[in-house]
Amino acid sequence: MAYKSYVVDRALKKLGGDLKDARRRRRIKAELMAERLGVTRSTLDRMEKGVSSVSIGTYATAIYSLDPAKLELLANIFSRESDVLGQIVSDRELPQRIRGASRR
């Protein structure tokens, strides 16, 4: 079994709770939301509780269903522009000096 940290659990619970709140603010019944997502009502309940076994595709569909513009945030989460740590590591490995091609 893969290691799952408390931090991940907490983030998923927050995501699930926020999903539920967003659905309720829009006055969308759970049954209708589940239908829109193509899932069962019990899967929606699990999503809203932050259960980690729900696929990221299902969460992405929920994001798109409630706020299509926010899906771009998910799509760009690991883009070069937003991957600060990756940029730092990459920049450290860049050569200090670039030599011209040798002449034969």
PDB file of N, CA and C in Angstrom:
ATOM      1  N   MET A   1       0.844  -1.183   0.000  1.00  0.00           N
ATOM      2  CA  MET A   1       0.000   0.000   0.000  1.00  0.00           C
ATOM      3  C   MET A   1       0.888   1.244   0.000  1.00  0.00           C
ATOM      4  N   ALA A   2       0.539   2.204  -0.804  1.00  0.00           N
ATOM      5  CA  ALA A   2       1.312   3.436  -0.904  1.00  0.00           C
ATOM      6  C   ALA A   2       1.158   4.274   0.357  1.00  0.00           C
ATOM      7  N   TYR A   3       2.224   4.980   0.688  1.00  0.00           N
ATOM      8  CA  TYR A   3       2.195   5.866   1.844  1.00  0.00           C
ATOM      9  C   TYR A   3       1.349   7.089   1.514  1.00  0.00           C
ATOM     10  N   LYS A   4       0.466   7.433   2.412  1.00  0.00           N
ATOM     11  CA  LYS A   4      -0.392   8.605   2.231  1.00  0.00           C
ATOM     12  C   LYS A   4      -0.252   9.464   3.476  1.00  0.00           C
ATOM     13  N   SER A   5       0.134  10.677   3.287  1.00  0.00           N
ATOM     14  CA  SER A   5       0.396  11.531   4.431  1.00  0.00           C
ATOM     15  C   SER A   5      -0.861  12.220   4.956  1.00  0.00           C
ATOM     16  N   TYR A   6      -0.732  12.683   6.158  1.00  0.00           N
ATOM     17  CA  TYR A   6      -1.788  13.453   6.799  1.00  0.00           C
ATOM     18  C   TYR A   6      -2.082  14.715   5.991  1.00  0.00           C
ATOM     19  N   VAL A   7      -1.045  15.308   5.437  1.00  0.00           N
ATOM     20  CA  VAL A   7      -1.203  16.545   4.669  1.00  0.00           C
ATOM     21  C   VAL A   7      -2.080  16.300   3.437  1.00  0.00           C
ATOM     22  N   VAL A   8      -1.872  15.166   2.768  1.00  0.00           N
ATOM     23  CA  VAL A   8      -2.678  14.826   1.595  1.00  0.00           C
ATOM     24  C   VAL A   8      -4.123  14.590   2.011  1.00  0.00           C
ATOM     25  N   ASP A   9      -4.314  13.834   3.087  1.00  0.00           N
ATOM     26  CA  ASP A   9      -5.675  13.590   3.585  1.00  0.00           C
ATOM     27  C   ASP A   9      -6.394  14.897   3.893  1.00  0.00           C
ATOM     28  N   ARG A  10      -5.691  15.782   4.563  1.00  0.00           N
ATOM     29  CA  ARG A  10      -6.289  17.067   4.937  1.00  0.00           C
ATOM     30  C   ARG A  10      -6.649  17.888   3.696  1.00  0.00           C
ATOM     31  N   ALA A  11      -5.763  17.894   2.704  1.00  0.00           N
ATOM     32  CA  ALA A  11      -6.029  18.647   1.472  1.00  0.00           C
ATOM     33  C   ALA A  11      -7.239  18.077   0.731  1.00  0.00           C
ATOM     34  N   LEU A  12      -7.343  16.751   0.677  1.00  0.00           N
ATOM     35  CA  LEU A  12      -8.488  16.131   0.001  1.00  0.00           C
ATOM     36  C   LEU A  12      -9.789  16.391   0.746  1.00  0.00           C
ATOM     37  N   LYS A  13      -9.736  16.363   2.058  1.00  0.00           N
ATOM     38  CA  LYS A  13     -10.941  16.667   2.847  1.00  0.00           C
ATOM     39  C   LYS A  13     -11.387  18.108   2.596  1.00  0.00           C
ATOM     40  N   LYS A  14     -10.428  19.019   2.515  1.00  0.00           N
ATOM     41  CA  LYS A  14     -10.767  20.417   2.229  1.00  0.00           C
ATOM     42  C   LYS A  14     -11.346  20.545   0.821  1.00  0.00           C
ATOM     43  N   LEU A  15     -10.712  19.888  -0.152  1.00  0.00           N
ATOM     44  CA  LEU A  15     -11.224  19.914  -1.521  1.00  0.00           C
ATOM     45  C   LEU A  15     -12.647  19.376  -1.573  1.00  0.00           C
ATOM     46  N   GLY A  16     -12.884  18.260  -0.908  1.00  0.00           N
ATOM     47  CA  GLY A  16     -14.224  17.671  -0.884  1.00  0.00           C
ATOM     48  C   GLY A  16     -15.244  18.576  -0.226  1.00  0.00           C
ATOM     49  N   GLY A  17     -14.868  19.163   0.904  1.00  0.00           N
ATOM     50  CA  GLY A  17     -15.774  20.083   1.593  1.00  0.00           C
ATOM     51  C   GLY A  17     -16.071  21.317   0.763  1.00  0.00           C
ATOM     52  N   ASP A  18     -15.029  21.836   0.104  1.00  0.00           N
ATOM     53  CA  ASP A  18     -15.222  23.003  -0.759  1.00  0.00           C
ATOM     54  C   ASP A  18     -16.112  22.665  -1.954  1.00  0.00           C
ATOM     55  N   LEU A  19     -15.944  21.459  -2.488  1.00  0.00           N
ATOM     56  CA  LEU A  19     -16.797  21.000  -3.585  1.00  0.00           C
ATOM     57  C   LEU A  19     -18.258  20.969  -3.144  1.00  0.00           C
ATOM     58  N   LYS A  20     -18.499  20.417  -1.974  1.00  0.00           N
ATOM     59  CA  LYS A  20     -19.867  20.343  -1.448  1.00  0.00           C
ATOM     60  C   LYS A  20     -20.447  21.744  -1.245  1.00  0.00           C
ATOM     61  N   ASP A  21     -19.648  22.627  -0.647  1.00  0.00           N
ATOM     62  CA  ASP A  21     -20.110  23.999  -0.419  1.00  0.00           C
ATOM     63  C   ASP A  21     -20.421  24.708  -1.736  1.00  0.00           C
ATOM     64  N   ALA A  22     -19.551  24.531  -2.740  1.00  0.00           N
ATOM     65  CA  ALA A  22     -19.764  25.177  -4.042  1.00  0.00           C
ATOM     66  C   ALA A  22     -21.043  24.658  -4.696  1.00  0.00           C
ATOM     67  N   ARG A  23     -21.261  23.358  -4.599  1.00  0.00           N
ATOM     68  CA  ARG A  23     -22.487  22.774  -5.159  1.00  0.00           C
ATOM     69  C   ARG A  23     -23.710  23.345  -4.460  1.00  0.00           C
ATOM     70  N   ARG A  24     -23.658  23.432  -3.149  1.00  0.00           N
ATOM     71  CA  ARG A  24     -24.807  23.927  -2.382  1.00  0.00           C
ATOM     72  C   ARG A  24     -25.048  25.417  -2.627  1.00  0.00           C
ATOM     73  N   ARG A  25     -23.980  26.202  -2.760  1.00  0.00           N
ATOM     74  CA  ARG A  25     -24.147  27.632  -3.055  1.00  0.00           C
ATOM     75  C   ARG A  25     -24.857  27.840  -4.387  1.00  0.00           C
ATOM     76  N   ARG A  26     -24.643  26.914  -5.308  1.00  0.00           N
ATOM     77  CA  ARG A  26     -25.287  26.992  -6.618  1.00  0.00           C
ATOM     78  C   ARG A  26     -26.670  26.350  -6.620  1.00  0.00           C
ATOM     79  N   ARG A  27     -27.075  25.852  -5.459  1.00  0.00           N
ATOM     80  CA  ARG A  27     -28.396  25.220  -5.289  1.00  0.00           C
ATOM     81  C   ARG A  27     -28.571  24.001  -6.208  1.00  0.00           C
ATOM     82  N   ILE A  28     -27.491  23.244  -6.367  1.00  0.00           N
ATOM     83  CA  ILE A  28     -27.541  22.028  -7.187  1.00  0.00           C
ATOM     84  C   ILE A  28     -27.736  20.840  -6.254  1.00  0.00           C
ATOM     85  N   LYS A  29     -28.785  20.083  -6.477  1.00  0.00           N
ATOM     86  CA  LYS A  29     -29.037  18.898  -5.661  1.00  0.00           C
ATOM     87  C   LYS A  29     -27.966  17.852  -5.937  1.00  0.00           C
ATOM     88  N   ALA A  30     -27.676  17.066  -4.914  1.00  0.00           N
ATOM     89  CA  ALA A  30     -26.636  16.046  -5.030  1.00  0.00           C
ATOM     90  C   ALA A  30     -26.930  15.060  -6.160  1.00  0.00           C
ATOM     91  N   GLU A  31     -28.181  14.682  -6.305  1.00  0.00           N
ATOM     92  CA  GLU A  31     -28.551  13.734  -7.356  1.00  0.00           C
ATOM     93  C   GLU A  31     -28.242  14.299  -8.744  1.00  0.00           C
ATOM     94  N   LEU A  32     -28.558  15.583  -8.946  1.00  0.00           N
ATOM     95  CA  LEU A  32     -28.296  16.226 -10.230  1.00  0.00           C
ATOM     96  C   LEU A  32     -26.790  16.343 -10.476  1.00  0.00           C
ATOM     97  N   MET A  33     -26.044  16.703  -9.443  1.00  0.00           N
ATOM     98  CA  MET A  33     -24.589  16.824  -9.582  1.00  0.00           C
ATOM     99  C   MET A  33     -23.982  15.477  -9.949  1.00  0.00           C
ATOM    100  N   ALA A  34     -24.402  14.431  -9.277  1.00  0.00           N
ATOM    101  CA  ALA A  34     -23.890  13.090  -9.580  1.00  0.00           C
ATOM    102  C   ALA A  34     -24.197  12.724 -11.028  1.00  0.00           C
ATOM    103  N   GLU A  35     -25.392  13.056 -11.469  1.00  0.00           N
ATOM    104  CA  GLU A  35     -25.781  12.773 -12.854  1.00  0.00           C
ATOM    105  C   GLU A  35     -24.894  13.533 -13.831  1.00  0.00           C
ATOM    106  N   ARG A  36     -24.634  14.799 -13.546  1.00  0.00           N
ATOM    107  CA  ARG A  36     -23.770  15.613 -14.411  1.00  0.00           C
ATOM    108  C   ARG A  36     -22.363  15.036 -14.503  1.00  0.00           C
ATOM    109  N   LEU A  37     -21.901  14.476 -13.393  1.00  0.00           N
ATOM    110  CA  LEU A  37     -20.546  13.925 -13.358  1.00  0.00           C
ATOM    111  C   LEU A  37     -20.471  12.511 -13.909  1.00  0.00           C
ATOM    112  N   GLY A  38     -21.628  11.893 -14.078  1.00  0.00           N
ATOM    113  CA  GLY A  38     -21.646  10.519 -14.561  1.00  0.00           C
ATOM    114  C   GLY A  38     -21.224   9.519 -13.505  1.00  0.00           C
ATOM    115  N   VAL A  39     -21.540   9.841 -12.235  1.00  0.00           N
ATOM    116  CA  VAL A  39     -21.186   8.956 -11.120  1.00  0.00           C
ATOM    117  C   VAL A  39     -22.431   8.672 -10.291  1.00  0.00           C
ATOM    118  N   THR A  40     -22.304   7.738  -9.378  1.00  0.00           N
ATOM    119  CA  THR A  40     -23.412   7.447  -8.473  1.00  0.00           C
ATOM    120  C   THR A  40     -23.450   8.481  -7.362  1.00  0.00           C
ATOM    121  N   ARG A  41     -24.551   8.519  -6.686  1.00  0.00           N
ATOM    122  CA  ARG A  41     -24.688   9.436  -5.553  1.00  0.00           C
ATOM    123  C   ARG A  41     -23.665   9.091  -4.474  1.00  0.00           C
ATOM    124  N   SER A  42     -23.387   7.803  -4.272  1.00  0.00           N
ATOM    125  CA  SER A  42     -22.414   7.417  -3.239  1.00  0.00           C
ATOM    126  C   SER A  42     -20.999   7.873  -3.614  1.00  0.00           C
ATOM    127  N   THR A  43     -20.675   7.873  -4.909  1.00  0.00           N
ATOM    128  CA  THR A  43     -19.361   8.385  -5.325  1.00  0.00           C
ATOM    129  C   THR A  43     -19.272   9.879  -5.058  1.00  0.00           C
ATOM    130  N   LEU A  44     -20.339  10.614  -5.336  1.00  0.00           N
ATOM    131  CA  LEU A  44     -20.351  12.042  -5.027  1.00  0.00           C
ATOM    132  C   LEU A  44     -20.180  12.254  -3.527  1.00  0.00           C
ATOM    133  N   ASP A  45     -20.845  11.466  -2.715  1.00  0.00           N
ATOM    134  CA  ASP A  45     -20.683  11.570  -1.261  1.00  0.00           C
ATOM    135  C   ASP A  45     -19.223  11.347  -0.866  1.00  0.00           C
ATOM    136  N   ARG A  46     -18.589  10.351  -1.487  1.00  0.00           N
ATOM    137  CA  ARG A  46     -17.185  10.072  -1.187  1.00  0.00           C
ATOM    138  C   ARG A  46     -16.293  11.231  -1.627  1.00  0.00           C
ATOM    139  N   MET A  47     -16.607  11.828  -2.772  1.00  0.00           N
ATOM    140  CA  MET A  47     -15.854  12.999  -3.234  1.00  0.00           C
ATOM    141  C   MET A  47     -15.961  14.134  -2.230  1.00  0.00           C
ATOM    142  N   GLU A  48     -17.178  14.380  -1.776  1.00  0.00           N
ATOM    143  CA  GLU A  48     -17.416  15.498  -0.864  1.00  0.00           C
ATOM    144  C   GLU A  48     -16.823  15.252   0.520  1.00  0.00           C
ATOM    145  N   LYS A  49     -16.456  14.012   0.805  1.00  0.00           N
ATOM    146  CA  LYS A  49     -15.759  13.690   2.055  1.00  0.00           C
ATOM    147  C   LYS A  49     -14.244  13.669   1.859  1.00  0.00           C
ATOM    148  N   GLY A  50     -13.798  13.787   0.618  1.00  0.00           N
ATOM    149  CA  GLY A  50     -12.367  13.811   0.332  1.00  0.00           C
ATOM    150  C   GLY A  50     -11.718  12.444   0.309  1.00  0.00           C
ATOM    151  N   VAL A  51     -12.475  11.423  -0.065  1.00  0.00           N
ATOM    152  CA  VAL A  51     -11.927  10.066  -0.128  1.00  0.00           C
ATOM    153  C   VAL A  51     -10.920   9.992  -1.278  1.00  0.00           C
ATOM    154  N   SER A  52      -9.733   9.478  -0.984  1.00  0.00           N
ATOM    155  CA  SER A  52      -8.643   9.517  -1.960  1.00  0.00           C
ATOM    156  C   SER A  52      -8.783   8.537  -3.116  1.00  0.00           C
ATOM    157  N   SER A  53      -9.653   7.565  -3.012  1.00  0.00           N
ATOM    158  CA  SER A  53      -9.772   6.578  -4.093  1.00  0.00           C
ATOM    159  C   SER A  53     -10.614   7.066  -5.270  1.00  0.00           C
ATOM    160  N   VAL A  54     -11.243   8.219  -5.147  1.00  0.00           N
ATOM    161  CA  VAL A  54     -12.000   8.792  -6.271  1.00  0.00           C
ATOM    162  C   VAL A  54     -10.986   9.314  -7.287  1.00  0.00           C
ATOM    163  N   SER A  55     -11.223   9.032  -8.560  1.00  0.00           N
ATOM    164  CA  SER A  55     -10.236   9.387  -9.587  1.00  0.00           C
ATOM    165  C   SER A  55     -10.107  10.897  -9.766  1.00  0.00           C
ATOM    166  N   ILE A  56      -8.917  11.294 -10.162  1.00  0.00           N
ATOM    167  CA  ILE A  56      -8.681  12.714 -10.415  1.00  0.00           C
ATOM    168  C   ILE A  56      -9.535  13.190 -11.592  1.00  0.00           C
ATOM    169  N   GLY A  57      -9.842  12.284 -12.516  1.00  0.00           N
ATOM    170  CA  GLY A  57     -10.712  12.644 -13.637  1.00  0.00           C
ATOM    171  C   GLY A  57     -12.104  13.038 -13.175  1.00  0.00           C
ATOM    172  N   THR A  58     -12.589  12.354 -12.151  1.00  0.00           N
ATOM    173  CA  THR A  58     -13.909  12.686 -11.616  1.00  0.00           C
ATOM    174  C   THR A  58     -13.873  14.045 -10.924  1.00  0.00           C
ATOM    175  N   TYR A  59     -12.804  14.300 -10.166  1.00  0.00           N
ATOM    176  CA  TYR A  59     -12.660  15.623  -9.547  1.00  0.00           C
ATOM    177  C   TYR A  59     -12.551  16.704 -10.629  1.00  0.00           C
ATOM    178  N   ALA A  60     -11.789  16.436 -11.699  1.00  0.00           N
ATOM    179  CA  ALA A  60     -11.639  17.412 -12.784  1.00  0.00           C
ATOM    180  C   ALA A  60     -12.983  17.704 -13.446  1.00  0.00           C
ATOM    181  N   THR A  61     -13.790  16.672 -13.618  1.00  0.00           N
ATOM    182  CA  THR A  61     -15.121  16.866 -14.194  1.00  0.00           C
ATOM    183  C   THR A  61     -15.983  17.728 -13.282  1.00  0.00           C
ATOM    184  N   ALA A  62     -15.863  17.523 -11.978  1.00  0.00           N
ATOM    185  CA  ALA A  62     -16.618  18.340 -11.021  1.00  0.00           C
ATOM    186  C   ALA A  62     -16.173  19.799 -11.083  1.00  0.00           C
ATOM    187  N   ILE A  63     -14.874  20.013 -11.163  1.00  0.00           N
ATOM    188  CA  ILE A  63     -14.354  21.377 -11.264  1.00  0.00           C
ATOM    189  C   ILE A  63     -14.912  22.047 -12.517  1.00  0.00           C
ATOM    190  N   TYR A  64     -14.843  21.337 -13.634  1.00  0.00           N
ATOM    191  CA  TYR A  64     -15.345  21.884 -14.893  1.00  0.00           C
ATOM    192  C   TYR A  64     -16.846  22.156 -14.828  1.00  0.00           C
ATOM    193  N   SER A  65     -17.568  21.274 -14.183  1.00  0.00           N
ATOM    194  CA  SER A  65     -19.021  21.417 -14.075  1.00  0.00           C
ATOM    195  C   SER A  65     -19.414  22.656 -13.274  1.00  0.00           C
ATOM    196  N   LEU A  66     -18.655  22.952 -12.229  1.00  0.00           N
ATOM    197  CA  LEU A  66     -19.003  24.075 -11.356  1.00  0.00           C
ATOM    198  C   LEU A  66     -18.380  25.399 -11.799  1.00  0.00           C
ATOM    199  N   ASP A  67     -17.176  25.338 -12.379  1.00  0.00           N
ATOM    200  CA  ASP A  67     -16.495  26.565 -12.790  1.00  0.00           C
ATOM    201  C   ASP A  67     -15.463  26.231 -13.865  1.00  0.00           C
ATOM    202  N   PRO A  68     -15.881  26.216 -15.134  1.00  0.00           N
ATOM    203  CA  PRO A  68     -14.985  25.794 -16.215  1.00  0.00           C
ATOM    204  C   PRO A  68     -13.633  26.506 -16.235  1.00  0.00           C
ATOM    205  N   ALA A  69     -13.589  27.770 -15.859  1.00  0.00           N
ATOM    206  CA  ALA A  69     -12.328  28.515 -15.877  1.00  0.00           C
ATOM    207  C   ALA A  69     -11.316  27.946 -14.884  1.00  0.00           C
ATOM    208  N   LYS A  70     -11.801  27.353 -13.805  1.00  0.00           N
ATOM    209  CA  LYS A  70     -10.893  26.816 -12.788  1.00  0.00           C
ATOM    210  C   LYS A  70     -10.173  25.550 -13.251  1.00  0.00           C
ATOM    211  N   LEU A  71     -10.708  24.885 -14.259  1.00  0.00           N
ATOM    212  CA  LEU A  71     -10.055  23.672 -14.755  1.00  0.00           C
ATOM    213  C   LEU A  71      -8.664  23.991 -15.286  1.00  0.00           C
ATOM    214  N   GLU A  72      -8.483  25.193 -15.813  1.00  0.00           N
ATOM    215  CA  GLU A  72      -7.165  25.586 -16.312  1.00  0.00           C
ATOM    216  C   GLU A  72      -6.133  25.617 -15.187  1.00  0.00           C
ATOM    217  N   LEU A  73      -6.556  25.964 -13.974  1.00  0.00           N
ATOM    218  CA  LEU A  73      -5.633  25.922 -12.837  1.00  0.00           C
ATOM    219  C   LEU A  73      -5.104  24.508 -12.628  1.00  0.00           C
ATOM    220  N   LEU A  74      -5.987  23.536 -12.717  1.00  0.00           N
ATOM    221  CA  LEU A  74      -5.575  22.140 -12.574  1.00  0.00           C
ATOM    222  C   LEU A  74      -4.679  21.723 -13.733  1.00  0.00           C
ATOM    223  N   ALA A  75      -5.040  22.129 -14.933  1.00  0.00           N
ATOM    224  CA  ALA A  75      -4.267  21.747 -16.117  1.00  0.00           C
ATOM    225  C   ALA A  75      -2.844  22.295 -16.073  1.00  0.00           C
ATOM    226  N   ASN A  76      -2.644  23.424 -15.418  1.00  0.00           N
ATOM    227  CA  ASN A  76      -1.331  24.073 -15.384  1.00  0.00           C
ATOM    228  C   ASN A  76      -0.569  23.862 -14.084  1.00  0.00           C
ATOM    229  N   ILE A  77      -1.037  22.968 -13.258  1.00  0.00           N
ATOM    230  CA  ILE A  77      -0.447  22.815 -11.931  1.00  0.00           C
ATOM    231  C   ILE A  77       1.040  22.438 -11.973  1.00  0.00           C
ATOM    232  N   PHE A  78       1.464  21.681 -12.981  1.00  0.00           N
ATOM    233  CA  PHE A  78       2.870  21.297 -13.099  1.00  0.00           C
ATOM    234  C   PHE A  78       3.550  21.935 -14.303  1.00  0.00           C
ATOM    235  N   SER A  79       2.959  22.987 -14.840  1.00  0.00           N
ATOM    236  CA  SER A  79       3.586  23.654 -15.983  1.00  0.00           C
ATOM    237  C   SER A  79       4.909  24.271 -15.546  1.00  0.00           C
ATOM    238  N   ARG A  80       5.782  24.489 -16.492  1.00  0.00           N
ATOM    239  CA  ARG A  80       7.102  25.057 -16.174  1.00  0.00           C
ATOM    240  C   ARG A  80       6.960  26.376 -15.415  1.00  0.00           C
ATOM    241  N   GLU A  81       6.003  27.184 -15.819  1.00  0.00           N
ATOM    242  CA  GLU A  81       5.838  28.495 -15.188  1.00  0.00           C
ATOM    243  C   GLU A  81       5.437  28.391 -13.720  1.00  0.00           C
ATOM    244  N   SER A  82       4.671  27.374 -13.376  1.00  0.00           N
ATOM    245  CA  SER A  82       4.202  27.272 -11.993  1.00  0.00           C
ATOM    246  C   SER A  82       5.023  26.300 -11.151  1.00  0.00           C
ATOM    247  N   ASP A  83       5.962  25.595 -11.755  1.00  0.00           N
ATOM    248  CA  ASP A  83       6.778  24.613 -11.036  1.00  0.00           C
ATOM    249  C   ASP A  83       8.069  25.260 -10.548  1.00  0.00           C
ATOM    250  N   VAL A  84       7.960  26.058  -9.507  1.00  0.00           N
ATOM    251  CA  VAL A  84       9.097  26.813  -8.991  1.00  0.00           C
ATOM    252  C   VAL A  84      10.213  25.881  -8.528  1.00  0.00           C
ATOM    253  N   LEU A  85       9.877  24.854  -7.774  1.00  0.00           N
ATOM    254  CA  LEU A  85      10.896  23.921  -7.294  1.00  0.00           C
ATOM    255  C   LEU A  85      11.602  23.242  -8.466  1.00  0.00           C
ATOM    256  N   GLY A  86      10.846  22.819  -9.462  1.00  0.00           N
ATOM    257  CA  GLY A  86      11.439  22.201 -10.645  1.00  0.00           C
ATOM    258  C   GLY A  86      12.379  23.143 -11.372  1.00  0.00           C
ATOM    259  N   GLN A  87      12.029  24.414 -11.433  1.00  0.00           N
ATOM    260  CA  GLN A  87      12.887  25.404 -12.078  1.00  0.00           C
ATOM    261  C   GLN A  87      14.192  25.573 -11.317  1.00  0.00           C
ATOM    262  N   ILE A  88      14.114  25.595  -9.991  1.00  0.00           N
ATOM    263  CA  ILE A  88      15.319  25.743  -9.169  1.00  0.00           C
ATOM    264  C   ILE A  88      16.259  24.574  -9.408  1.00  0.00           C
ATOM    265  N   VAL A  89      15.723  23.363  -9.363  1.00  0.00           N
ATOM    266  CA  VAL A  89      16.545  22.169  -9.583  1.00  0.00           C
ATOM    267  C   VAL A  89      17.141  22.196 -10.986  1.00  0.00           C
ATOM    268  N   SER A  90      16.334  22.512 -11.972  1.00  0.00           N
ATOM    269  CA  SER A  90      16.793  22.557 -13.355  1.00  0.00           C
ATOM    270  C   SER A  90      17.876  23.612 -13.543  1.00  0.00           C
ATOM    271  N   ASP A  91      17.677  24.782 -12.978  1.00  0.00           N
ATOM    272  CA  ASP A  91      18.643  25.867 -13.127  1.00  0.00           C
ATOM    273  C   ASP A  91      19.975  25.530 -12.470  1.00  0.00           C
ATOM    274  N   ARG A  92      19.953  24.792 -11.375  1.00  0.00           N
ATOM    275  CA  ARG A  92      21.198  24.393 -10.710  1.00  0.00           C
ATOM    276  C   ARG A  92      22.009  23.442 -11.577  1.00  0.00           C
ATOM    277  N   GLU A  93      21.333  22.690 -12.430  1.00  0.00           N
ATOM    278  CA  GLU A  93      22.020  21.703 -13.253  1.00  0.00           C
ATOM    279  C   GLU A  93      22.461  22.259 -14.600  1.00  0.00           C
ATOM    280  N   LEU A  94      22.148  23.516 -14.883  1.00  0.00           N
ATOM    281  CA  LEU A  94      22.580  24.109 -16.141  1.00  0.00           C
ATOM    282  C   LEU A  94      24.093  24.286 -16.116  1.00  0.00           C
ATOM    283  N   PRO A  95      24.762  24.061 -17.244  1.00  0.00           N
ATOM    284  CA  PRO A  95      26.220  24.236 -17.263  1.00  0.00           C
ATOM    285  C   PRO A  95      26.586  25.698 -17.030  1.00  0.00           C
ATOM    286  N   GLN A  96      27.708  25.901 -16.355  1.00  0.00           N
ATOM    287  CA  GLN A  96      28.171  27.257 -16.075  1.00  0.00           C
ATOM    288  C   GLN A  96      28.719  27.920 -17.340  1.00  0.00           C
ATOM    289  N   ARG A  97      29.236  27.090 -18.221  1.00  0.00           N
ATOM    290  CA  ARG A  97      29.889  27.622 -19.400  1.00  0.00           C
ATOM    291  C   ARG A  97      29.517  26.761 -20.603  1.00  0.00           C
ATOM    292  N   ILE A  98      29.234  27.403 -21.693  1.00  0.00           N
ATOM    293  CA  ILE A  98      28.922  26.700 -22.932  1.00  0.00           C
ATOM    294  C   ILE A  98      30.091  26.926 -23.884  1.00  0.00           C
ATOM    295  N   ARG A  99      30.724  25.857 -24.292  1.00  0.00           N
ATOM    296  CA  ARG A  99      31.867  25.978 -25.201  1.00  0.00           C
ATOM    297  C   ARG A  99      31.397  25.800 -26.628  1.00  0.00           C
ATOM    298  N   GLY A 100      32.075  26.457 -27.523  1.00  0.00           N
ATOM    299  CA  GLY A 100      31.760  26.324 -28.942  1.00  0.00           C
ATOM    300  C   GLY A 100      32.119  24.939 -29.443  1.00  0.00           C
ATOM    301  N   ALA A 101      31.597  24.599 -30.590  1.00  0.00           N
ATOM    302  CA  ALA A 101      31.890  23.296 -31.185  1.00  0.00           C
ATOM    303  C   ALA A 101      33.367  23.229 -31.549  1.00  0.00           C
ATOM    304  N   SER A 102      33.955  22.069 -31.346  1.00  0.00           N
ATOM    305  CA  SER A 102      35.380  21.916 -31.673  1.00  0.00           C
ATOM    306  C   SER A 102      35.560  21.924 -33.186  1.00  0.00           C
ATOM    307  N   ARG A 103      36.665  22.479 -33.611  1.00  0.00           N
ATOM    308  CA  ARG A 103      36.960  22.553 -35.050  1.00  0.00           C
ATOM    309  C   ARG A 103      37.898  21.418 -35.405  1.00  0.00           C
ATOM    310  N   ARG A 104      37.601  20.750 -36.485  1.00  0.00           N
ATOM    311  CA  ARG A 104      38.436  19.608 -36.886  1.00  0.00           C
ATOM    312  C   ARG A 104      39.172  19.899 -38.132  1.00  0.00           C
TER     313      ARG A 104
END
